[in-house]
Amino acid sequence: MIHPLHTKFRAILITAAVTTGLGALLAATPTPGLAASPSPRIEQAGISSARLERLSTVLDKYVRDERLPGSVTLVMRRGEVVYHEAHGWRDREKGSVMPRDAIFRIASQSKALVSVGILMLQEEGQLLLSDPLEKYLPSFAKPRVAVPRDGGGYDLVPAKRSITLHDLLTHTAGIAYGTGISSDLWKAAGIQGWYFADRNEPVAAVVERMAALPLESQPGERWVYGYATDILGVVIEKISGQTLDAFLREKIFEPLAMRDTHFYLPSAKQNRLAVVYGADSAGKGLYRLPDGDDINTQGAYTRNDGVAHSGGAGLLSTASDYARFLRMLAAGGSLDGKRLLSRKSVELMISNGLGDVAYRDGEGFGLGVSMTTDVGRRGVPSSLGEFGWGGAYHSTYWVDPHEDLIVVYLTQLMPAGKIDDHAKLRALVYQAIVD
C-alpha cells in the first residue's frame, strides 16, 4: 500500500515542477525520486545519466512500497559528482521530505575516521601500530581469554600475547560487543552492544572496566567485530590530551570542511536529522522508532550534555561531508591542499591486514575498512582493491580506486529486515559506467 504522505509529496512535486521548472526545483529543494538533469560532465566522467536514472527509479520504488523511509545517495566518478539525490522522507509522519543535506547517524562509519586519527598519530611519531595496548591503557596488561569447556561452560586462560594497536585496527584483538562465550560477565558489567550515546560517562570509563573482561579469542587469531575502535578512540584521548570529539574536529573535520559531522547534534541542525524507522518483521511496511535515548529509540544524539564520544559508532554526518573524507583517502591522503596522511599510510590502511585470519569470501580487512581481494569469489560488481564499510542504521559506502569511484548511501533503517537495496545500489551504480 502506498503511504498517503507519498501521494501528497508527489502532488507537491508535480505542481512545483510545473510552476518553477525542473532545474529551479532541483536547485532550490533537493527532492526524492528525481535524478539530476543530464550533464555533459556526467557523460565525460564515463557515466550514462540515462542508465543512472534506473537508480532513482529503484530507490523511489522502495519508498512507495514502504520498504525504505528515505535516503541520500552521492556518487562521484573521476572527481565529478555524477549523482547526489534524496529520496523519500526525512520524517514521514510530519510530511518532511528528505533533503540532500539531511544528517544521519552513521554508526560504524565512524570507525574509518578514528582509524585515520590513529595513523595520523603514528605519522607524528606519537605511537606505532605494533605497540601493545597496555603501553597507553595499562589496565589491558594481562588480558584473559574465554575458552569453551567440554560439556558446557568456559574457562578463562591467559592471553598468549599482548593486544596491539594493529589488532584493534583490524578487529583481530578478540574483543566482541559483549556477546559470545563469556557474555554473562559482559552483561553483568553492563557492557553490551555498540551504542554509547545515552551514557552519562565518557567512553574511557567504560573501556577501563572492559579491560577486566574476557576476550573471545586469542589476539591475532580470529576476526572478531566489537569494541576495538572505541578502545582506539580512548587511546587517541590519552595521547592527545583532548576529547575524541575535539581531536577529530581539529585534525579531520575542520581541515576537510566537514561542517555537519558531530557526536551530538547542535540544536540549530536538529531539523535536518533523519528519523529512524524499522522494517516490520511481518512485512507490513515501516514503523517509526519512538522518541527516547536508548538503542531502540531515536537515540540520544540531540542531547546538549553528551559526553560519550564513541569512536566505534557514535558520529552523525551528511553524504557530502562523508564524501569529502573519502575523497581525501582516494586522493592519497590530501584534499584541497590539506594533507592529513601520507600516501603510504593510506596504502597501509586499505591493504588486507589479516594475513591468514579468515574473513569473507573475496574480501579482506585493513585498518577500519574491508576491501575486495578477489572479485570473482566475492561475486558482486566490484574491483580489486575497492574498500568500504557501513553502519548499523543501514548506511554504506565504498571507494573503488580502479574505477575512480566513490559511493555514499545514507538511510536510517534499523532493523532493516530483508531489504536488498545495498546489492541493487551496487549493481545500478556499476551498470551506469559506460567507458
Protein backbone atom coordinates (compact mmCIF):
# COMPACT_ATOMS: atom_id res chain seq x y z
CA MET A 1 0.00 0.00 0.00
CA ILE A 2 1.33 3.49 -0.88
CA HIS A 3 1.77 5.71 2.14
CA PRO A 4 -0.74 8.63 1.93
CA LEU A 5 2.03 11.15 2.52
CA HIS A 6 3.83 9.84 -0.55
CA THR A 7 0.82 10.72 -2.69
CA LYS A 8 0.78 14.17 -1.08
CA PHE A 9 4.50 14.58 -1.77
CA ARG A 10 4.08 13.64 -5.45
CA ALA A 11 1.33 16.22 -5.89
CA ILE A 12 3.52 18.91 -4.36
CA LEU A 13 6.45 17.88 -6.54
CA ILE A 14 4.48 17.90 -9.81
CA THR A 15 2.94 21.30 -9.03
CA ALA A 16 6.32 22.77 -8.18
CA ALA A 17 7.90 21.37 -11.33
CA VAL A 18 5.22 22.98 -13.50
CA THR A 19 5.41 26.38 -11.85
CA THR A 20 9.16 26.72 -11.32
CA GLY A 21 10.74 24.41 -13.88
CA LEU A 22 12.57 21.23 -13.01
CA GLY A 23 16.00 22.83 -12.92
CA ALA A 24 14.92 25.51 -10.45
CA LEU A 25 13.15 22.93 -8.31
CA LEU A 26 16.25 20.77 -8.02
CA ALA A 27 18.40 23.78 -7.19
CA ALA A 28 16.01 25.09 -4.55
CA THR A 29 14.77 21.88 -2.92
CA PRO A 30 16.60 18.57 -3.36
CA THR A 31 13.80 16.05 -3.68
CA PRO A 32 13.15 12.33 -3.62
CA GLY A 33 12.76 10.32 -6.77
CA LEU A 34 14.46 12.61 -9.29
CA ALA A 35 17.96 12.39 -10.72
CA ALA A 36 19.87 15.49 -11.69
CA SER A 37 19.37 16.76 -15.25
CA PRO A 38 21.77 15.19 -17.79
CA SER A 39 25.09 16.99 -17.78
CA PRO A 40 27.98 16.78 -20.25
CA ARG A 41 30.28 16.46 -17.23
CA ILE A 42 28.48 13.28 -16.17
CA GLU A 43 28.95 11.75 -19.61
CA GLN A 44 32.58 12.88 -19.70
CA ALA A 45 33.10 11.03 -16.43
CA GLY A 46 32.20 7.81 -18.24
CA ILE A 47 28.73 7.60 -16.70
CA SER A 48 25.47 7.32 -18.63
CA SER A 49 22.98 9.67 -16.99
CA ALA A 50 20.15 7.75 -18.66
CA ARG A 51 21.33 4.45 -17.17
CA LEU A 52 21.95 6.10 -13.79
CA GLU A 53 18.29 7.16 -13.77
CA ARG A 54 17.49 3.50 -13.13
CA LEU A 55 18.89 4.02 -9.63
CA SER A 56 16.35 6.77 -8.98
CA THR A 57 13.54 4.54 -10.21
CA VAL A 58 14.51 1.70 -7.88
CA LEU A 59 15.12 3.87 -4.80
CA ASP A 60 11.82 5.64 -5.35
CA LYS A 61 10.02 2.30 -5.58
CA TYR A 62 11.43 1.22 -2.21
CA VAL A 63 9.80 4.34 -0.73
CA ARG A 64 6.47 3.72 -2.49
CA ASP A 65 6.47 0.13 -1.30
CA GLU A 66 7.18 1.28 2.27
CA ARG A 67 10.39 -0.71 2.46
CA LEU A 68 12.62 2.35 2.82
CA PRO A 69 11.71 5.61 4.59
CA GLY A 70 14.20 7.77 2.72
CA SER A 71 17.82 8.01 1.66
CA VAL A 72 20.53 10.24 0.28
CA THR A 73 22.93 8.84 -2.31
CA LEU A 74 26.09 10.51 -3.57
CA VAL A 75 28.19 9.09 -6.41
CA MET A 76 31.44 10.57 -7.68
CA ARG A 77 33.50 9.46 -10.67
CA ARG A 78 36.77 11.00 -11.77
CA GLY A 79 36.25 13.82 -9.30
CA GLU A 80 32.80 14.72 -10.62
CA VAL A 81 29.59 14.43 -8.63
CA VAL A 82 27.51 12.40 -11.07
CA TYR A 83 24.64 11.71 -8.69
CA HIS A 84 23.57 13.37 -5.46
CA GLU A 85 19.91 12.72 -4.80
CA ALA A 86 17.50 12.47 -1.92
CA HIS A 87 14.59 10.02 -1.98
CA GLY A 88 11.60 9.62 0.30
CA TRP A 89 11.07 11.14 3.69
CA ARG A 90 13.19 12.67 6.42
CA ASP A 91 10.08 12.40 8.63
CA ARG A 92 7.06 10.62 7.09
CA GLU A 93 4.62 11.49 9.84
CA LYS A 94 5.34 15.22 9.53
CA GLY A 95 5.40 15.15 5.73
CA SER A 96 9.03 16.34 5.68
CA VAL A 97 10.77 15.17 2.52
CA MET A 98 14.40 14.11 2.59
CA PRO A 99 16.81 16.94 1.69
CA ARG A 100 20.22 16.28 0.21
CA ASP A 101 21.84 17.83 3.29
CA ALA A 102 19.98 15.60 5.76
CA ILE A 103 22.02 14.48 8.76
CA PHE A 104 22.24 10.76 9.54
CA ARG A 105 23.50 8.56 12.37
CA ILE A 106 26.43 6.86 10.60
CA ALA A 107 27.27 4.39 13.41
CA SER A 108 30.21 2.19 12.37
CA GLN A 109 31.19 4.52 9.56
CA SER A 110 32.84 6.35 12.47
CA LYS A 111 35.48 3.59 12.54
CA ALA A 112 37.33 4.75 9.42
CA LEU A 113 37.64 8.28 10.83
CA VAL A 114 39.16 7.05 14.10
CA SER A 115 41.48 4.72 12.20
CA VAL A 116 42.76 7.73 10.26
CA GLY A 117 43.28 9.50 13.60
CA ILE A 118 45.49 6.65 14.81
CA LEU A 119 47.51 6.74 11.59
CA MET A 120 47.97 10.50 11.98
CA LEU A 121 49.43 9.94 15.45
CA GLN A 122 51.82 7.37 14.04
CA GLU A 123 52.93 9.90 11.42
CA GLU A 124 53.57 12.39 14.23
CA GLY A 125 55.80 9.87 15.99
CA GLN A 126 53.48 9.51 18.97
CA LEU A 127 52.76 5.79 18.59
CA LEU A 128 53.43 2.71 16.48
CA LEU A 129 50.75 0.33 15.27
CA SER A 130 52.86 -2.51 16.67
CA ASP A 131 52.70 -1.02 20.17
CA PRO A 132 50.96 -3.09 22.86
CA LEU A 133 47.69 -1.59 24.05
CA GLU A 134 48.89 -1.59 27.69
CA LYS A 135 51.52 0.99 26.79
CA TYR A 136 48.66 3.53 26.67
CA LEU A 137 45.98 1.75 28.72
CA PRO A 138 47.82 -0.21 31.47
CA SER A 139 44.65 -1.99 32.62
CA PHE A 140 44.88 -4.17 29.49
CA ALA A 141 48.27 -5.57 30.54
CA LYS A 142 47.11 -9.12 31.30
CA PRO A 143 44.08 -10.00 29.17
CA ARG A 144 42.29 -13.29 29.67
CA VAL A 145 40.52 -15.37 27.02
CA ALA A 146 37.29 -17.33 27.42
CA VAL A 147 37.68 -20.91 26.15
CA PRO A 148 34.65 -23.24 25.82
CA ARG A 149 34.75 -26.21 28.17
CA ASP A 150 33.73 -29.69 27.05
CA GLY A 151 30.26 -30.37 28.43
CA GLY A 152 29.37 -26.68 28.73
CA GLY A 153 30.62 -23.52 30.34
CA TYR A 154 34.02 -21.99 29.77
CA ASP A 155 37.42 -21.48 31.32
CA LEU A 156 39.48 -18.30 31.48
CA VAL A 157 43.08 -18.62 30.31
CA PRO A 158 45.85 -16.03 29.94
CA ALA A 159 46.27 -14.46 26.52
CA LYS A 160 49.31 -15.77 24.64
CA ARG A 161 50.46 -12.23 23.89
CA SER A 162 49.50 -8.60 24.30
CA ILE A 163 46.83 -6.89 22.23
CA THR A 164 48.44 -4.48 19.76
CA LEU A 165 47.01 -1.35 18.18
CA HIS A 166 47.19 -3.18 14.85
CA ASP A 167 44.98 -5.92 16.31
CA LEU A 168 42.42 -3.30 17.24
CA LEU A 169 42.53 -1.67 13.81
CA THR A 170 41.99 -4.99 12.04
CA HIS A 171 39.46 -6.34 14.59
CA THR A 172 41.69 -9.26 15.48
CA ALA A 173 42.07 -8.33 19.16
CA GLY A 174 39.42 -10.86 20.17
CA ILE A 175 37.08 -8.18 21.58
CA ALA A 176 33.40 -8.54 20.65
CA TYR A 177 30.39 -6.41 21.57
CA GLY A 178 29.87 -8.21 24.88
CA THR A 179 28.43 -11.30 23.22
CA GLY A 180 29.69 -14.84 22.79
CA ILE A 181 31.32 -17.29 25.16
CA SER A 182 31.52 -15.06 28.25
CA SER A 183 28.51 -12.85 27.54
CA ASP A 184 27.26 -13.42 31.09
CA LEU A 185 30.24 -11.49 32.50
CA TRP A 186 29.90 -8.68 29.96
CA LYS A 187 26.19 -8.40 30.68
CA ALA A 188 26.80 -8.29 34.42
CA ALA A 189 29.26 -5.43 33.82
CA GLY A 190 26.64 -3.54 31.80
CA ILE A 191 28.78 -3.53 28.67
CA GLN A 192 26.99 -4.96 25.65
CA GLY A 193 26.08 -3.60 22.23
CA TRP A 194 27.66 -0.83 20.17
CA TYR A 195 25.51 2.08 21.39
CA PHE A 196 27.05 4.64 23.77
CA ALA A 197 25.21 7.93 23.13
CA ASP A 198 22.92 7.70 26.17
CA ARG A 199 25.70 7.01 28.69
CA ASN A 200 26.41 9.72 31.24
CA GLU A 201 30.10 8.86 31.44
CA PRO A 202 32.97 9.10 28.95
CA VAL A 203 33.76 6.04 26.86
CA ALA A 204 37.14 5.90 28.62
CA ALA A 205 35.41 4.96 31.89
CA VAL A 206 33.59 2.08 30.19
CA VAL A 207 36.77 0.90 28.47
CA GLU A 208 38.59 0.85 31.81
CA ARG A 209 36.00 -1.62 33.13
CA MET A 210 36.15 -3.54 29.85
CA ALA A 211 39.81 -4.41 30.46
CA ALA A 212 38.85 -6.85 33.23
CA LEU A 213 36.50 -8.83 30.98
CA PRO A 214 37.47 -11.87 28.87
CA LEU A 215 38.36 -11.82 25.20
CA GLU A 216 36.51 -14.03 22.72
CA SER A 217 39.70 -15.34 21.13
CA GLN A 218 43.46 -15.10 21.39
CA PRO A 219 44.83 -11.81 19.99
CA GLY A 220 45.62 -12.10 16.30
CA GLU A 221 43.88 -15.44 15.74
CA ARG A 222 40.34 -14.51 14.64
CA TRP A 223 38.40 -11.61 13.14
CA VAL A 224 36.00 -10.54 15.91
CA TYR A 225 33.89 -7.42 15.42
CA GLY A 226 33.38 -5.31 18.51
CA TYR A 227 34.66 -2.51 20.74
CA ALA A 228 38.12 -2.30 19.17
CA THR A 229 37.65 1.14 17.63
CA ASP A 230 36.06 2.53 20.78
CA ILE A 231 39.24 1.50 22.58
CA LEU A 232 41.31 3.21 19.88
CA GLY A 233 39.31 6.37 20.48
CA VAL A 234 40.35 6.26 24.13
CA VAL A 235 43.98 5.74 23.07
CA ILE A 236 43.68 8.91 20.98
CA GLU A 237 42.36 10.77 24.01
CA LYS A 238 45.18 9.52 26.24
CA ILE A 239 47.91 10.52 23.78
CA SER A 240 46.44 13.83 22.60
CA GLY A 241 45.08 15.06 25.93
CA GLN A 242 41.87 16.01 24.10
CA THR A 243 38.42 14.53 23.95
CA LEU A 244 37.91 12.40 20.85
CA ASP A 245 35.40 14.99 19.67
CA ALA A 246 37.97 17.82 19.91
CA PHE A 247 40.72 15.73 18.31
CA LEU A 248 38.66 14.67 15.30
CA ARG A 249 37.35 18.19 14.84
CA GLU A 250 40.82 19.72 14.86
CA LYS A 251 42.59 17.02 12.87
CA ILE A 252 39.94 15.87 10.36
CA PHE A 253 36.59 17.68 10.36
CA GLU A 254 37.88 21.25 10.15
CA PRO A 255 40.69 20.61 7.62
CA LEU A 256 38.23 18.75 5.38
CA ALA A 257 35.39 21.28 5.90
CA MET A 258 33.15 18.54 7.32
CA ARG A 259 30.87 21.10 8.96
CA ASP A 260 27.94 18.78 9.66
CA THR A 261 29.78 15.90 11.36
CA HIS A 262 29.16 15.66 15.12
CA PHE A 263 28.81 13.24 18.01
CA TYR A 264 25.86 15.23 19.39
CA LEU A 265 23.89 17.47 17.07
CA PRO A 266 23.71 21.24 17.73
CA SER A 267 20.16 22.48 18.24
CA ALA A 268 20.25 24.63 15.09
CA LYS A 269 20.72 21.50 12.95
CA GLN A 270 18.21 19.18 14.57
CA ASN A 271 15.53 19.88 11.97
CA ARG A 272 17.80 18.15 9.41
CA LEU A 273 18.24 14.92 11.38
CA ALA A 274 16.62 11.98 9.59
CA VAL A 275 14.12 9.95 11.60
CA VAL A 276 14.89 6.28 12.33
CA TYR A 277 12.39 3.67 11.12
CA GLY A 278 12.28 -0.09 11.47
CA ALA A 279 11.13 -2.71 8.96
CA ASP A 280 8.14 -4.65 10.24
CA SER A 281 9.05 -8.34 10.54
CA ALA A 282 5.61 -9.30 9.26
CA GLY A 283 6.22 -7.43 6.03
CA LYS A 284 3.62 -4.74 6.76
CA GLY A 285 5.80 -1.77 5.99
CA LEU A 286 7.74 0.54 8.27
CA TYR A 287 7.28 1.78 11.81
CA ARG A 288 8.79 4.85 13.43
CA LEU A 289 11.08 4.19 16.38
CA PRO A 290 9.77 6.05 19.45
CA ASP A 291 11.43 9.13 20.84
CA GLY A 292 13.90 8.33 23.60
CA ASP A 293 17.57 7.92 24.45
CA ASP A 294 18.23 4.18 24.28
CA ILE A 295 19.20 2.00 21.33
CA ASN A 296 15.59 1.04 20.49
CA THR A 297 14.52 4.67 20.06
CA GLN A 298 15.57 7.73 18.06
CA GLY A 299 18.58 7.88 20.37
CA ALA A 300 20.34 10.47 22.49
CA TYR A 301 22.11 12.24 19.62
CA THR A 302 20.37 15.57 20.18
CA ARG A 303 21.21 15.95 23.86
CA ASN A 304 23.28 19.04 24.68
CA ASP A 305 25.24 17.44 27.51
CA GLY A 306 26.53 14.29 25.81
CA VAL A 307 29.96 13.08 26.92
CA ALA A 308 30.16 9.56 25.44
CA HIS A 309 32.16 10.02 22.24
CA SER A 310 32.07 6.56 20.67
CA GLY A 311 34.86 6.10 18.15
CA GLY A 312 33.30 2.85 17.02
CA ALA A 313 29.78 4.00 16.26
CA GLY A 314 28.97 7.48 17.57
CA LEU A 315 29.03 10.03 14.76
CA LEU A 316 26.41 11.84 12.72
CA SER A 317 27.17 13.18 9.26
CA THR A 318 25.88 14.03 5.79
CA ALA A 319 26.57 12.41 2.43
CA SER A 320 28.55 15.47 1.35
CA ASP A 321 30.70 15.51 4.48
CA TYR A 322 31.49 11.82 4.34
CA ALA A 323 32.27 12.03 0.65
CA ARG A 324 34.89 14.68 1.41
CA PHE A 325 36.55 12.29 3.85
CA LEU A 326 36.53 9.53 1.22
CA ARG A 327 37.86 11.90 -1.43
CA MET A 328 40.83 12.56 0.85
CA LEU A 329 41.56 8.84 1.11
CA ALA A 330 41.02 8.29 -2.62
CA ALA A 331 43.48 11.10 -3.34
CA GLY A 332 46.19 9.51 -1.22
CA GLY A 333 45.70 11.50 1.98
CA SER A 334 45.06 15.10 0.93
CA LEU A 335 42.19 17.25 -0.27
CA ASP A 336 42.06 20.87 -1.40
CA GLY A 337 45.68 21.40 -0.43
CA LYS A 338 45.22 19.97 3.08
CA ARG A 339 47.27 16.83 3.72
CA LEU A 340 46.07 14.62 6.55
CA LEU A 341 48.02 11.44 5.77
CA SER A 342 50.88 10.34 3.57
CA ARG A 343 50.14 8.18 0.57
CA LYS A 344 51.92 5.26 2.23
CA SER A 345 49.69 5.41 5.32
CA VAL A 346 46.60 5.34 3.10
CA GLU A 347 48.03 2.38 1.20
CA LEU A 348 48.53 0.56 4.50
CA MET A 349 45.01 1.41 5.67
CA ILE A 350 43.35 -0.05 2.57
CA SER A 351 45.53 -3.18 2.34
CA ASN A 352 44.46 -6.52 3.76
CA GLY A 353 45.96 -6.73 7.24
CA LEU A 354 44.55 -10.13 8.23
CA GLY A 355 47.28 -12.43 6.98
CA ASP A 356 45.97 -15.99 7.40
CA VAL A 357 42.98 -14.94 9.50
CA ALA A 358 39.74 -15.99 7.79
CA TYR A 359 37.22 -13.38 6.68
CA ARG A 360 34.53 -13.21 3.98
CA ASP A 361 34.95 -14.85 0.58
CA GLY A 362 36.76 -12.50 -1.76
CA GLU A 363 37.30 -9.86 0.90
CA GLY A 364 39.94 -8.83 3.40
CA PHE A 365 40.08 -6.26 6.18
CA GLY A 366 42.52 -3.40 6.58
CA LEU A 367 42.63 -0.64 9.18
CA GLY A 368 38.96 0.11 9.83
CA VAL A 369 37.74 -0.85 6.34
CA SER A 370 37.08 -4.01 4.37
CA MET A 371 38.35 -4.46 0.81
CA THR A 372 37.92 -6.67 -2.22
CA THR A 373 40.70 -9.21 -2.66
CA ASP A 374 39.06 -11.42 -5.32
CA VAL A 375 36.22 -10.05 -7.47
CA GLY A 376 35.07 -13.45 -8.69
CA ARG A 377 34.93 -15.01 -5.23
CA ARG A 378 33.14 -12.00 -3.82
CA GLY A 379 30.54 -12.40 -6.54
CA VAL A 380 29.27 -8.83 -6.88
CA PRO A 381 30.24 -5.92 -9.17
CA SER A 382 33.48 -4.62 -7.71
CA SER A 383 37.16 -4.09 -8.42
CA LEU A 384 40.32 -5.43 -6.85
CA GLY A 385 41.28 -3.07 -4.02
CA GLU A 386 37.86 -1.49 -3.51
CA PHE A 387 37.38 -0.56 0.16
CA GLY A 388 34.45 0.49 2.33
CA TRP A 389 32.16 -0.34 5.26
CA GLY A 390 28.75 0.61 6.64
CA GLY A 391 26.71 1.35 9.74
CA ALA A 392 24.04 -0.18 11.98
CA TYR A 393 21.38 2.21 10.68
CA HIS A 394 21.76 0.57 7.25
CA SER A 395 24.15 3.06 5.67
CA THR A 396 27.05 2.01 3.45
CA TYR A 397 29.92 3.44 1.43
CA TRP A 398 32.74 2.30 -0.81
CA VAL A 399 35.67 3.64 -2.80
CA ASP A 400 36.79 1.90 -5.98
CA PRO A 401 40.25 3.24 -6.88
CA HIS A 402 40.36 1.25 -10.14
CA GLU A 403 37.20 2.95 -11.40
CA ASP A 404 37.94 6.28 -9.64
CA LEU A 405 34.54 5.87 -8.00
CA ILE A 406 33.13 6.97 -4.62
CA VAL A 407 29.67 5.97 -3.36
CA VAL A 408 27.96 7.14 -0.16
CA TYR A 409 24.49 5.82 0.70
CA LEU A 410 22.80 7.02 3.89
CA THR A 411 19.47 5.94 5.34
CA GLN A 412 18.01 5.31 8.81
CA LEU A 413 16.51 1.83 8.91
CA MET A 414 17.00 -0.38 11.98
CA PRO A 415 16.12 -3.21 11.87
CA ALA A 416 16.34 -3.27 8.07
CA GLY A 417 14.57 -6.59 7.52
CA LYS A 418 15.22 -8.36 4.22
CA ILE A 419 15.58 -5.30 2.00
CA ASP A 420 18.10 -5.77 -0.81
CA ASP A 421 18.81 -2.11 -1.53
CA HIS A 422 22.58 -2.35 -0.91
CA ALA A 423 23.00 -5.02 -3.55
CA LYS A 424 20.85 -3.17 -6.05
CA LEU A 425 22.63 0.11 -5.35
CA ARG A 426 25.92 -1.56 -6.23
CA ALA A 427 24.55 -3.20 -9.37
CA LEU A 428 22.91 0.02 -10.59
CA VAL A 429 25.95 2.20 -9.96
CA TYR A 430 28.29 -0.11 -11.85
CA GLN A 431 25.92 -0.67 -14.77
CA ALA A 432 25.94 3.09 -15.38
CA ILE A 433 29.69 3.05 -16.17
CA VAL A 434 29.93 3.06 -19.96
CA ASP A 435 33.54 3.88 -20.82
